[in-house]
Amino acid sequence: MSKTADPSIPLQLRALGAIGSVMAGMSVALAAYAVHGADGEAQARLVQAAAFASGHGVALAALAPLAQRRSGLTALLAMLLGVLLFSGSLIGAALLSLPTTLAPFGGMLMIGGWLLHGWDRWRG
């Protein structure tokens, strides 16, 4: 087993994959807190934030090593920023009573990231 990183995968893609893995793991903790430590609307927001963070964390971890062009990297960065804005906005609302103003922008970034990723994959 090699102790060095795969040189064929650029550092930024390895970082995105690692961030995705951490995000997926943290989403499990967030879901556990939502179920055991929150009630009502706060619980619903935290569960939704955890679901989006989990799905996109797994996607980043799986897709990052496959990105071959700038458009693929841009797609993954849009997904990451989108989930941070979307889930972060829901978490801020649930825990700090902040408005969810950034959630729609996060959602649009996630949608755009997936569409760009699809276009990038179509290109080969």
C-alpha atoms as a PDB file:
ATOM      1  CA  MET A   1       0.000   0.000   0.000  1.00  0.00           C
ATOM      2  CA  SER A   2       1.442   3.353  -1.070  1.00  0.00           C
ATOM      3  CA  LYS A   3       1.820   6.088   1.535  1.00  0.00           C
ATOM      4  CA  THR A   4       1.873   8.880  -1.033  1.00  0.00           C
ATOM      5  CA  ALA A   5      -1.018  10.498  -2.853  1.00  0.00           C
ATOM      6  CA  ASP A   6      -1.839   9.421  -6.377  1.00  0.00           C
ATOM      7  CA  PRO A   7       0.072  11.932  -8.524  1.00  0.00           C
ATOM      8  CA  SER A   8      -2.403  11.495 -11.365  1.00  0.00           C
ATOM      9  CA  ILE A   9      -5.127  13.180  -9.258  1.00  0.00           C
ATOM     10  CA  PRO A  10      -4.457  16.912  -8.766  1.00  0.00           C
ATOM     11  CA  LEU A  11      -4.347  18.310  -5.241  1.00  0.00           C
ATOM     12  CA  GLN A  12      -7.546  20.357  -5.606  1.00  0.00           C
ATOM     13  CA  LEU A  13      -9.486  17.254  -6.652  1.00  0.00           C
ATOM     14  CA  ARG A  14      -8.063  15.201  -3.773  1.00  0.00           C
ATOM     15  CA  ALA A  15      -9.040  18.074  -1.444  1.00  0.00           C
ATOM     16  CA  LEU A  16     -12.606  18.148  -2.822  1.00  0.00           C
ATOM     17  CA  GLY A  17     -12.902  14.404  -2.334  1.00  0.00           C
ATOM     18  CA  ALA A  18     -11.632  14.681   1.239  1.00  0.00           C
ATOM     19  CA  ILE A  19     -13.987  17.599   1.975  1.00  0.00           C
ATOM     20  CA  GLY A  20     -16.876  15.557   0.596  1.00  0.00           C
ATOM     21  CA  SER A  21     -16.009  12.651   2.870  1.00  0.00           C
ATOM     22  CA  VAL A  22     -15.808  14.921   5.914  1.00  0.00           C
ATOM     23  CA  MET A  23     -19.084  16.602   4.933  1.00  0.00           C
ATOM     24  CA  ALA A  24     -20.821  13.217   4.613  1.00  0.00           C
ATOM     25  CA  GLY A  25     -19.489  12.147   8.004  1.00  0.00           C
ATOM     26  CA  MET A  26     -20.514  15.393   9.675  1.00  0.00           C
ATOM     27  CA  SER A  27     -23.975  15.068   8.174  1.00  0.00           C
ATOM     28  CA  VAL A  28     -24.452  11.859  10.158  1.00  0.00           C
ATOM     29  CA  ALA A  29     -23.642  13.765  13.344  1.00  0.00           C
ATOM     30  CA  LEU A  30     -26.001  16.565  12.292  1.00  0.00           C
ATOM     31  CA  ALA A  31     -28.809  14.085  11.625  1.00  0.00           C
ATOM     32  CA  ALA A  32     -28.234  12.466  15.027  1.00  0.00           C
ATOM     33  CA  TYR A  33     -28.390  15.863  16.720  1.00  0.00           C
ATOM     34  CA  ALA A  34     -31.535  16.737  14.776  1.00  0.00           C
ATOM     35  CA  VAL A  35     -33.291  13.568  15.898  1.00  0.00           C
ATOM     36  CA  HIS A  36     -32.094  13.584  19.514  1.00  0.00           C
ATOM     37  CA  GLY A  37     -31.560  17.254  20.313  1.00  0.00           C
ATOM     38  CA  ALA A  38     -34.015  19.338  18.297  1.00  0.00           C
ATOM     39  CA  ASP A  39     -37.770  19.606  17.992  1.00  0.00           C
ATOM     40  CA  GLY A  40     -40.356  20.897  15.569  1.00  0.00           C
ATOM     41  CA  GLU A  41     -39.272  23.190  12.771  1.00  0.00           C
ATOM     42  CA  ALA A  42     -35.630  23.192  13.914  1.00  0.00           C
ATOM     43  CA  GLN A  43     -35.551  19.409  13.678  1.00  0.00           C
ATOM     44  CA  ALA A  44     -37.056  19.450  10.182  1.00  0.00           C
ATOM     45  CA  ARG A  45     -34.521  22.036   8.987  1.00  0.00           C
ATOM     46  CA  LEU A  46     -31.578  20.154  10.460  1.00  0.00           C
ATOM     47  CA  VAL A  47     -32.690  16.851   8.957  1.00  0.00           C
ATOM     48  CA  GLN A  48     -33.054  18.501   5.538  1.00  0.00           C
ATOM     49  CA  ALA A  49     -29.635  20.153   5.873  1.00  0.00           C
ATOM     50  CA  ALA A  50     -28.107  16.799   6.835  1.00  0.00           C
ATOM     51  CA  ALA A  51     -29.732  15.046   3.874  1.00  0.00           C
ATOM     52  CA  PHE A  52     -28.361  17.534   1.351  1.00  0.00           C
ATOM     53  CA  ALA A  53     -24.921  17.556   2.982  1.00  0.00           C
ATOM     54  CA  SER A  54     -24.816  13.763   3.038  1.00  0.00           C
ATOM     55  CA  GLY A  55     -25.801  13.294  -0.586  1.00  0.00           C
ATOM     56  CA  HIS A  56     -23.508  15.984  -1.885  1.00  0.00           C
ATOM     57  CA  GLY A  57     -20.649  14.896   0.365  1.00  0.00           C
ATOM     58  CA  VAL A  58     -20.801  11.393  -1.073  1.00  0.00           C
ATOM     59  CA  ALA A  59     -21.072  12.830  -4.586  1.00  0.00           C
ATOM     60  CA  LEU A  60     -17.996  15.024  -4.095  1.00  0.00           C
ATOM     61  CA  ALA A  61     -15.995  12.150  -2.650  1.00  0.00           C
ATOM     62  CA  ALA A  62     -16.930   9.880  -5.556  1.00  0.00           C
ATOM     63  CA  LEU A  63     -16.807  12.358  -8.431  1.00  0.00           C
ATOM     64  CA  ALA A  64     -13.742  14.447  -7.560  1.00  0.00           C
ATOM     65  CA  PRO A  65     -11.171  11.898  -8.763  1.00  0.00           C
ATOM     66  CA  LEU A  66     -13.015  11.658 -12.096  1.00  0.00           C
ATOM     67  CA  ALA A  67     -12.958  15.364 -12.965  1.00  0.00           C
ATOM     68  CA  GLN A  68     -10.672  15.886 -15.941  1.00  0.00           C
ATOM     69  CA  ARG A  69     -11.345  19.455 -17.056  1.00  0.00           C
ATOM     70  CA  ARG A  70     -11.861  22.879 -15.546  1.00  0.00           C
ATOM     71  CA  SER A  71     -15.612  22.526 -16.155  1.00  0.00           C
ATOM     72  CA  GLY A  72     -15.686  19.376 -14.000  1.00  0.00           C
ATOM     73  CA  LEU A  73     -13.807  21.121 -11.195  1.00  0.00           C
ATOM     74  CA  THR A  74     -16.107  24.141 -11.488  1.00  0.00           C
ATOM     75  CA  ALA A  75     -19.155  21.881 -11.273  1.00  0.00           C
ATOM     76  CA  LEU A  76     -17.885  20.266  -8.087  1.00  0.00           C
ATOM     77  CA  LEU A  77     -16.987  23.615  -6.543  1.00  0.00           C
ATOM     78  CA  ALA A  78     -20.490  24.892  -7.342  1.00  0.00           C
ATOM     79  CA  MET A  79     -21.975  21.847  -5.599  1.00  0.00           C
ATOM     80  CA  LEU A  80     -19.756  22.398  -2.556  1.00  0.00           C
ATOM     81  CA  LEU A  81     -20.549  26.097  -2.286  1.00  0.00           C
ATOM     82  CA  GLY A  82     -24.219  25.355  -2.908  1.00  0.00           C
ATOM     83  CA  VAL A  83     -24.500  22.823  -0.113  1.00  0.00           C
ATOM     84  CA  LEU A  84     -22.577  25.103   2.249  1.00  0.00           C
ATOM     85  CA  LEU A  85     -24.991  27.960   1.537  1.00  0.00           C
ATOM     86  CA  PHE A  86     -28.134  25.803   1.507  1.00  0.00           C
ATOM     87  CA  SER A  87     -27.423  23.574   4.469  1.00  0.00           C
ATOM     88  CA  GLY A  88     -25.600  26.332   6.312  1.00  0.00           C
ATOM     89  CA  SER A  89     -28.598  28.609   5.967  1.00  0.00           C
ATOM     90  CA  LEU A  90     -30.921  25.918   7.352  1.00  0.00           C
ATOM     91  CA  ILE A  91     -28.544  25.181  10.227  1.00  0.00           C
ATOM     92  CA  GLY A  92     -28.250  28.905  11.016  1.00  0.00           C
ATOM     93  CA  ALA A  93     -32.041  29.207  11.046  1.00  0.00           C
ATOM     94  CA  ALA A  94     -32.468  26.160  13.286  1.00  0.00           C
ATOM     95  CA  LEU A  95     -29.737  26.955  15.797  1.00  0.00           C
ATOM     96  CA  LEU A  96     -29.383  30.745  15.708  1.00  0.00           C
ATOM     97  CA  SER A  97     -32.780  31.915  14.420  1.00  0.00           C
ATOM     98  CA  LEU A  98     -31.109  33.443  11.357  1.00  0.00           C
ATOM     99  CA  PRO A  99     -33.082  33.939   8.139  1.00  0.00           C
ATOM    100  CA  THR A 100     -32.767  31.341   5.383  1.00  0.00           C
ATOM    101  CA  THR A 101     -31.939  34.022   2.824  1.00  0.00           C
ATOM    102  CA  LEU A 102     -28.968  32.122   1.371  1.00  0.00           C
ATOM    103  CA  ALA A 103     -30.759  28.788   0.908  1.00  0.00           C
ATOM    104  CA  PRO A 104     -32.196  29.614  -2.551  1.00  0.00           C
ATOM    105  CA  PHE A 105     -28.763  30.676  -3.832  1.00  0.00           C
ATOM    106  CA  GLY A 106     -27.305  27.442  -2.482  1.00  0.00           C
ATOM    107  CA  GLY A 107     -30.028  25.462  -4.204  1.00  0.00           C
ATOM    108  CA  MET A 108     -29.367  27.223  -7.491  1.00  0.00           C
ATOM    109  CA  LEU A 109     -25.638  26.518  -7.186  1.00  0.00           C
ATOM    110  CA  MET A 110     -26.301  22.830  -6.513  1.00  0.00           C
ATOM    111  CA  ILE A 111     -28.640  22.610  -9.519  1.00  0.00           C
ATOM    112  CA  GLY A 112     -26.150  24.474 -11.709  1.00  0.00           C
ATOM    113  CA  GLY A 113     -23.300  22.304 -10.462  1.00  0.00           C
ATOM    114  CA  TRP A 114     -25.159  19.131 -11.360  1.00  0.00           C
ATOM    115  CA  LEU A 115     -26.106  20.451 -14.799  1.00  0.00           C
ATOM    116  CA  LEU A 116     -22.521  21.523 -15.465  1.00  0.00           C
ATOM    117  CA  HIS A 117     -21.272  18.159 -14.229  1.00  0.00           C
ATOM    118  CA  GLY A 118     -23.656  16.400 -16.617  1.00  0.00           C
ATOM    119  CA  TRP A 119     -22.440  18.523 -19.519  1.00  0.00           C
ATOM    120  CA  ASP A 120     -18.833  17.860 -18.537  1.00  0.00           C
ATOM    121  CA  ARG A 121     -19.433  14.091 -18.395  1.00  0.00           C
ATOM    122  CA  TRP A 122     -21.259  14.216 -21.758  1.00  0.00           C
ATOM    123  CA  ARG A 123     -18.118  15.714 -23.271  1.00  0.00           C
ATOM    124  CA  GLY A 124     -16.224  12.604 -22.227  1.00  0.00           C
END
